[in-house]
Amino acid sequence: MNCFIRIKWALTENNPVIKAYDETLWSELPDNLQMPIEPTLNLLSGLHFRITYILKSLSETDLKKSFIHPESNSEISINQMIGLYAWHGNHHLSHITSLKKDKNWV
């Protein structure tokens, strides 16, 4: 969700400073720990559809638009964010694949 929101901010505001958040605290909330997984998978499916849709519509000028990350005070372009998000997805997939192998899940 944050990726999507950050893209929209960069497209609609002039180099905005985004909101940082504590990923660990977010992950410890009841919706992550207790509820069934299906609503989350549905949310991700719709969210990824929207991210893909908006990314396919971007021009070269749009890809250069950026935001400021407050923790590093660095400017990140949408183009850079696409690469970071791709890496991030692969990183999560690696964690899931390793856990699946370690737990002998089918």
N, C-alpha and C. Protein backbone atom coordinates (compact mmCIF):
# COMPACT_ATOMS: atom_id res chain seq x y z
N MET A 1 0.82 -1.18 0.00
CA MET A 1 0.00 0.00 0.00
C MET A 1 0.86 1.26 0.00
N ASN A 2 1.93 1.22 0.77
CA ASN A 2 2.79 2.40 0.84
C ASN A 2 3.43 2.70 -0.51
N CYS A 3 3.81 1.67 -1.24
CA CYS A 3 4.38 1.88 -2.58
C CYS A 3 3.38 2.62 -3.46
N PHE A 4 2.16 2.16 -3.47
CA PHE A 4 1.10 2.76 -4.29
C PHE A 4 0.87 4.22 -3.89
N ILE A 5 0.77 4.46 -2.59
CA ILE A 5 0.54 5.81 -2.09
C ILE A 5 1.72 6.72 -2.44
N ARG A 6 2.92 6.21 -2.31
CA ARG A 6 4.11 7.02 -2.62
C ARG A 6 4.15 7.39 -4.09
N ILE A 7 3.79 6.47 -4.96
CA ILE A 7 3.73 6.76 -6.39
C ILE A 7 2.72 7.87 -6.65
N LYS A 8 1.54 7.74 -6.05
CA LYS A 8 0.49 8.74 -6.25
C LYS A 8 0.93 10.11 -5.73
N TRP A 9 1.59 10.14 -4.57
CA TRP A 9 2.10 11.42 -4.06
C TRP A 9 3.09 12.03 -5.03
N ALA A 10 4.04 11.21 -5.51
CA ALA A 10 5.06 11.73 -6.43
C ALA A 10 4.44 12.25 -7.72
N LEU A 11 3.35 11.63 -8.15
CA LEU A 11 2.69 12.06 -9.39
C LEU A 11 1.84 13.31 -9.21
N THR A 12 1.39 13.57 -7.98
CA THR A 12 0.44 14.66 -7.77
C THR A 12 0.98 15.82 -6.95
N GLU A 13 2.16 15.67 -6.37
CA GLU A 13 2.75 16.74 -5.58
C GLU A 13 4.19 16.96 -6.06
N ASN A 14 4.73 18.12 -5.77
CA ASN A 14 6.08 18.44 -6.19
C ASN A 14 7.09 17.96 -5.15
N ASN A 15 7.69 16.80 -5.40
CA ASN A 15 8.75 16.24 -4.55
C ASN A 15 8.34 16.19 -3.07
N PRO A 16 7.22 15.53 -2.76
CA PRO A 16 6.73 15.53 -1.37
C PRO A 16 7.62 14.73 -0.42
N VAL A 17 7.58 15.10 0.84
CA VAL A 17 8.21 14.31 1.89
C VAL A 17 7.17 13.28 2.32
N ILE A 18 7.52 12.01 2.19
CA ILE A 18 6.57 10.96 2.53
C ILE A 18 6.57 10.70 4.03
N LYS A 19 5.61 9.93 4.47
CA LYS A 19 5.50 9.54 5.87
C LYS A 19 6.25 8.24 6.08
N ALA A 20 7.15 8.24 7.05
CA ALA A 20 7.83 7.00 7.43
C ALA A 20 6.95 6.26 8.44
N TYR A 21 7.17 4.98 8.61
CA TYR A 21 6.40 4.20 9.57
C TYR A 21 7.27 3.07 10.10
N ASP A 22 6.88 2.52 11.23
CA ASP A 22 7.62 1.43 11.86
C ASP A 22 7.06 0.10 11.35
N GLU A 23 7.77 -0.52 10.43
CA GLU A 23 7.30 -1.76 9.82
C GLU A 23 7.09 -2.87 10.85
N THR A 24 7.94 -2.95 11.85
CA THR A 24 7.82 -3.99 12.88
C THR A 24 6.52 -3.82 13.66
N LEU A 25 6.23 -2.60 14.07
CA LEU A 25 4.99 -2.36 14.82
C LEU A 25 3.76 -2.65 13.96
N TRP A 26 3.82 -2.28 12.67
CA TRP A 26 2.71 -2.58 11.77
C TRP A 26 2.49 -4.09 11.68
N SER A 27 3.58 -4.84 11.60
CA SER A 27 3.47 -6.29 11.43
C SER A 27 2.94 -6.99 12.68
N GLU A 28 3.00 -6.33 13.83
CA GLU A 28 2.55 -6.94 15.09
C GLU A 28 1.09 -6.66 15.41
N LEU A 29 0.39 -5.94 14.55
CA LEU A 29 -1.02 -5.64 14.79
C LEU A 29 -1.90 -6.88 14.52
N PRO A 30 -3.07 -6.97 15.17
CA PRO A 30 -3.92 -8.16 15.08
C PRO A 30 -4.30 -8.58 13.66
N ASP A 31 -4.48 -7.61 12.76
CA ASP A 31 -4.86 -8.00 11.40
C ASP A 31 -3.75 -8.79 10.70
N ASN A 32 -2.53 -8.64 11.15
CA ASN A 32 -1.42 -9.41 10.58
C ASN A 32 -1.22 -10.74 11.29
N LEU A 33 -1.58 -10.79 12.55
CA LEU A 33 -1.27 -11.98 13.36
C LEU A 33 -2.44 -12.94 13.53
N GLN A 34 -3.68 -12.45 13.42
CA GLN A 34 -4.80 -13.28 13.83
C GLN A 34 -5.84 -13.56 12.76
N MET A 35 -6.01 -12.70 11.82
CA MET A 35 -7.11 -12.89 10.87
C MET A 35 -6.72 -13.88 9.77
N PRO A 36 -7.70 -14.45 9.07
CA PRO A 36 -7.40 -15.36 7.96
C PRO A 36 -6.60 -14.65 6.87
N ILE A 37 -5.85 -15.41 6.09
CA ILE A 37 -4.97 -14.85 5.07
C ILE A 37 -5.72 -14.39 3.81
N GLU A 38 -6.89 -14.97 3.52
CA GLU A 38 -7.60 -14.70 2.26
C GLU A 38 -7.88 -13.21 2.03
N PRO A 39 -8.36 -12.44 3.04
CA PRO A 39 -8.58 -11.01 2.77
C PRO A 39 -7.30 -10.27 2.38
N THR A 40 -6.18 -10.67 2.96
CA THR A 40 -4.91 -10.03 2.63
C THR A 40 -4.50 -10.37 1.20
N LEU A 41 -4.68 -11.61 0.80
CA LEU A 41 -4.36 -12.01 -0.57
C LEU A 41 -5.24 -11.27 -1.57
N ASN A 42 -6.52 -11.10 -1.23
CA ASN A 42 -7.43 -10.33 -2.10
C ASN A 42 -6.98 -8.88 -2.20
N LEU A 43 -6.60 -8.30 -1.05
CA LEU A 43 -6.11 -6.92 -1.04
C LEU A 43 -4.87 -6.78 -1.91
N LEU A 44 -3.93 -7.69 -1.76
CA LEU A 44 -2.69 -7.64 -2.56
C LEU A 44 -2.97 -7.79 -4.04
N SER A 45 -3.90 -8.67 -4.38
CA SER A 45 -4.24 -8.86 -5.79
C SER A 45 -4.77 -7.57 -6.40
N GLY A 46 -5.70 -6.93 -5.73
CA GLY A 46 -6.25 -5.67 -6.23
C GLY A 46 -5.21 -4.55 -6.24
N LEU A 47 -4.41 -4.50 -5.20
CA LEU A 47 -3.38 -3.47 -5.10
C LEU A 47 -2.34 -3.62 -6.20
N HIS A 48 -1.89 -4.84 -6.44
CA HIS A 48 -0.91 -5.07 -7.50
C HIS A 48 -1.49 -4.76 -8.87
N PHE A 49 -2.77 -5.04 -9.06
CA PHE A 49 -3.43 -4.69 -10.31
C PHE A 49 -3.38 -3.17 -10.51
N ARG A 50 -3.71 -2.42 -9.45
CA ARG A 50 -3.71 -0.96 -9.54
C ARG A 50 -2.30 -0.41 -9.76
N ILE A 51 -1.31 -0.95 -9.06
CA ILE A 51 0.07 -0.49 -9.25
C ILE A 51 0.50 -0.74 -10.69
N THR A 52 0.25 -1.94 -11.19
CA THR A 52 0.60 -2.28 -12.57
C THR A 52 -0.09 -1.35 -13.55
N TYR A 53 -1.37 -1.10 -13.32
CA TYR A 53 -2.15 -0.24 -14.21
C TYR A 53 -1.56 1.16 -14.28
N ILE A 54 -1.27 1.73 -13.12
CA ILE A 54 -0.74 3.11 -13.11
C ILE A 54 0.68 3.15 -13.68
N LEU A 55 1.50 2.15 -13.37
CA LEU A 55 2.88 2.15 -13.88
C LEU A 55 2.91 2.06 -15.40
N LYS A 56 2.00 1.27 -15.99
CA LYS A 56 1.95 1.15 -17.45
C LYS A 56 1.56 2.45 -18.13
N SER A 57 0.92 3.34 -17.39
CA SER A 57 0.46 4.60 -17.98
C SER A 57 1.49 5.72 -17.89
N LEU A 58 2.60 5.49 -17.18
CA LEU A 58 3.55 6.57 -16.92
C LEU A 58 4.40 6.93 -18.13
N SER A 59 4.64 8.21 -18.26
CA SER A 59 5.54 8.72 -19.31
C SER A 59 6.97 8.76 -18.76
N GLU A 60 7.92 9.05 -19.63
CA GLU A 60 9.31 9.23 -19.19
C GLU A 60 9.40 10.36 -18.16
N THR A 61 8.63 11.41 -18.36
CA THR A 61 8.61 12.53 -17.41
C THR A 61 8.07 12.08 -16.05
N ASP A 62 7.00 11.28 -16.08
CA ASP A 62 6.42 10.76 -14.83
C ASP A 62 7.42 9.91 -14.07
N LEU A 63 8.18 9.08 -14.79
CA LEU A 63 9.15 8.19 -14.14
C LEU A 63 10.24 8.96 -13.40
N LYS A 64 10.47 10.21 -13.80
CA LYS A 64 11.49 11.03 -13.16
C LYS A 64 10.96 11.77 -11.93
N LYS A 65 9.64 11.79 -11.75
CA LYS A 65 9.07 12.45 -10.58
C LYS A 65 9.50 11.70 -9.34
N SER A 66 9.57 12.42 -8.22
CA SER A 66 10.17 11.81 -7.04
C SER A 66 9.52 12.28 -5.75
N PHE A 67 9.97 11.66 -4.67
CA PHE A 67 9.59 12.05 -3.33
C PHE A 67 10.83 12.03 -2.45
N ILE A 68 10.72 12.59 -1.27
CA ILE A 68 11.81 12.60 -0.30
C ILE A 68 11.47 11.61 0.81
N HIS A 69 12.39 10.71 1.10
CA HIS A 69 12.20 9.78 2.22
C HIS A 69 12.80 10.43 3.47
N PRO A 70 12.00 10.64 4.52
CA PRO A 70 12.47 11.41 5.67
C PRO A 70 13.56 10.73 6.49
N GLU A 71 13.63 9.41 6.49
CA GLU A 71 14.65 8.73 7.29
C GLU A 71 16.05 8.93 6.73
N SER A 72 16.16 8.95 5.41
CA SER A 72 17.48 9.13 4.79
C SER A 72 17.64 10.52 4.17
N ASN A 73 16.54 11.27 4.15
CA ASN A 73 16.51 12.57 3.49
C ASN A 73 16.97 12.47 2.03
N SER A 74 16.67 11.33 1.42
CA SER A 74 17.08 11.11 0.03
C SER A 74 15.90 11.26 -0.91
N GLU A 75 16.21 11.73 -2.11
CA GLU A 75 15.20 11.86 -3.16
C GLU A 75 15.15 10.55 -3.94
N ILE A 76 13.95 10.00 -4.08
CA ILE A 76 13.77 8.73 -4.77
C ILE A 76 12.78 8.95 -5.91
N SER A 77 13.21 8.65 -7.12
CA SER A 77 12.33 8.81 -8.29
C SER A 77 11.42 7.59 -8.39
N ILE A 78 10.33 7.75 -9.11
CA ILE A 78 9.43 6.62 -9.35
C ILE A 78 10.20 5.52 -10.06
N ASN A 79 11.06 5.88 -10.99
CA ASN A 79 11.88 4.89 -11.69
C ASN A 79 12.73 4.07 -10.72
N GLN A 80 13.36 4.75 -9.76
CA GLN A 80 14.15 4.05 -8.74
C GLN A 80 13.26 3.18 -7.86
N MET A 81 12.10 3.71 -7.54
CA MET A 81 11.18 2.99 -6.67
C MET A 81 10.72 1.68 -7.32
N ILE A 82 10.54 1.69 -8.62
CA ILE A 82 10.15 0.46 -9.32
C ILE A 82 11.20 -0.62 -9.09
N GLY A 83 12.47 -0.25 -9.23
CA GLY A 83 13.55 -1.21 -8.99
C GLY A 83 13.60 -1.68 -7.55
N LEU A 84 13.41 -0.74 -6.60
CA LEU A 84 13.41 -1.10 -5.18
C LEU A 84 12.25 -2.03 -4.86
N TYR A 85 11.09 -1.75 -5.43
CA TYR A 85 9.91 -2.57 -5.16
C TYR A 85 10.08 -3.96 -5.76
N ALA A 86 10.67 -4.06 -6.93
CA ALA A 86 10.93 -5.37 -7.54
C ALA A 86 11.88 -6.18 -6.66
N TRP A 87 12.95 -5.53 -6.19
CA TRP A 87 13.88 -6.21 -5.29
C TRP A 87 13.17 -6.64 -4.02
N HIS A 88 12.35 -5.75 -3.45
CA HIS A 88 11.63 -6.01 -2.21
C HIS A 88 10.72 -7.23 -2.35
N GLY A 89 10.01 -7.31 -3.47
CA GLY A 89 9.14 -8.46 -3.73
C GLY A 89 9.93 -9.76 -3.82
N ASN A 90 11.04 -9.73 -4.51
CA ASN A 90 11.89 -10.92 -4.61
C ASN A 90 12.47 -11.31 -3.25
N HIS A 91 12.80 -10.32 -2.44
CA HIS A 91 13.31 -10.56 -1.09
C HIS A 91 12.27 -11.28 -0.24
N HIS A 92 11.02 -10.82 -0.30
CA HIS A 92 9.94 -11.48 0.44
C HIS A 92 9.71 -12.88 -0.08
N LEU A 93 9.72 -13.04 -1.39
CA LEU A 93 9.52 -14.36 -1.99
C LEU A 93 10.61 -15.33 -1.52
N SER A 94 11.83 -14.86 -1.41
CA SER A 94 12.93 -15.69 -0.93
C SER A 94 12.68 -16.14 0.51
N HIS A 95 12.18 -15.24 1.35
CA HIS A 95 11.85 -15.61 2.74
C HIS A 95 10.77 -16.70 2.76
N ILE A 96 9.74 -16.51 1.95
CA ILE A 96 8.64 -17.48 1.91
C ILE A 96 9.12 -18.82 1.39
N THR A 97 9.90 -18.81 0.33
CA THR A 97 10.42 -20.04 -0.26
C THR A 97 11.31 -20.79 0.74
N SER A 98 12.16 -20.06 1.44
CA SER A 98 13.04 -20.69 2.44
C SER A 98 12.24 -21.29 3.59
N LEU A 99 11.25 -20.56 4.07
CA LEU A 99 10.40 -21.06 5.16
C LEU A 99 9.64 -22.29 4.71
N LYS A 100 9.11 -22.25 3.51
CA LYS A 100 8.37 -23.40 2.96
C LYS A 100 9.27 -24.63 2.92
N LYS A 101 10.51 -24.45 2.48
CA LYS A 101 11.46 -25.56 2.41
C LYS A 101 11.83 -26.06 3.82
N ASP A 102 12.11 -25.13 4.74
CA ASP A 102 12.48 -25.50 6.10
C ASP A 102 11.36 -26.23 6.82
N LYS A 103 10.11 -25.86 6.55
CA LYS A 103 8.96 -26.47 7.23
C LYS A 103 8.40 -27.69 6.46
N ASN A 104 9.01 -28.00 5.32
CA ASN A 104 8.54 -29.10 4.47
C ASN A 104 7.08 -28.94 4.07
N TRP A 105 6.69 -27.67 3.78
CA TRP A 105 5.33 -27.41 3.31
C TRP A 105 5.26 -27.75 1.83
N VAL A 106 4.14 -28.26 1.44
CA VAL A 106 3.93 -28.63 0.02
C VAL A 106 3.55 -27.42 -0.77
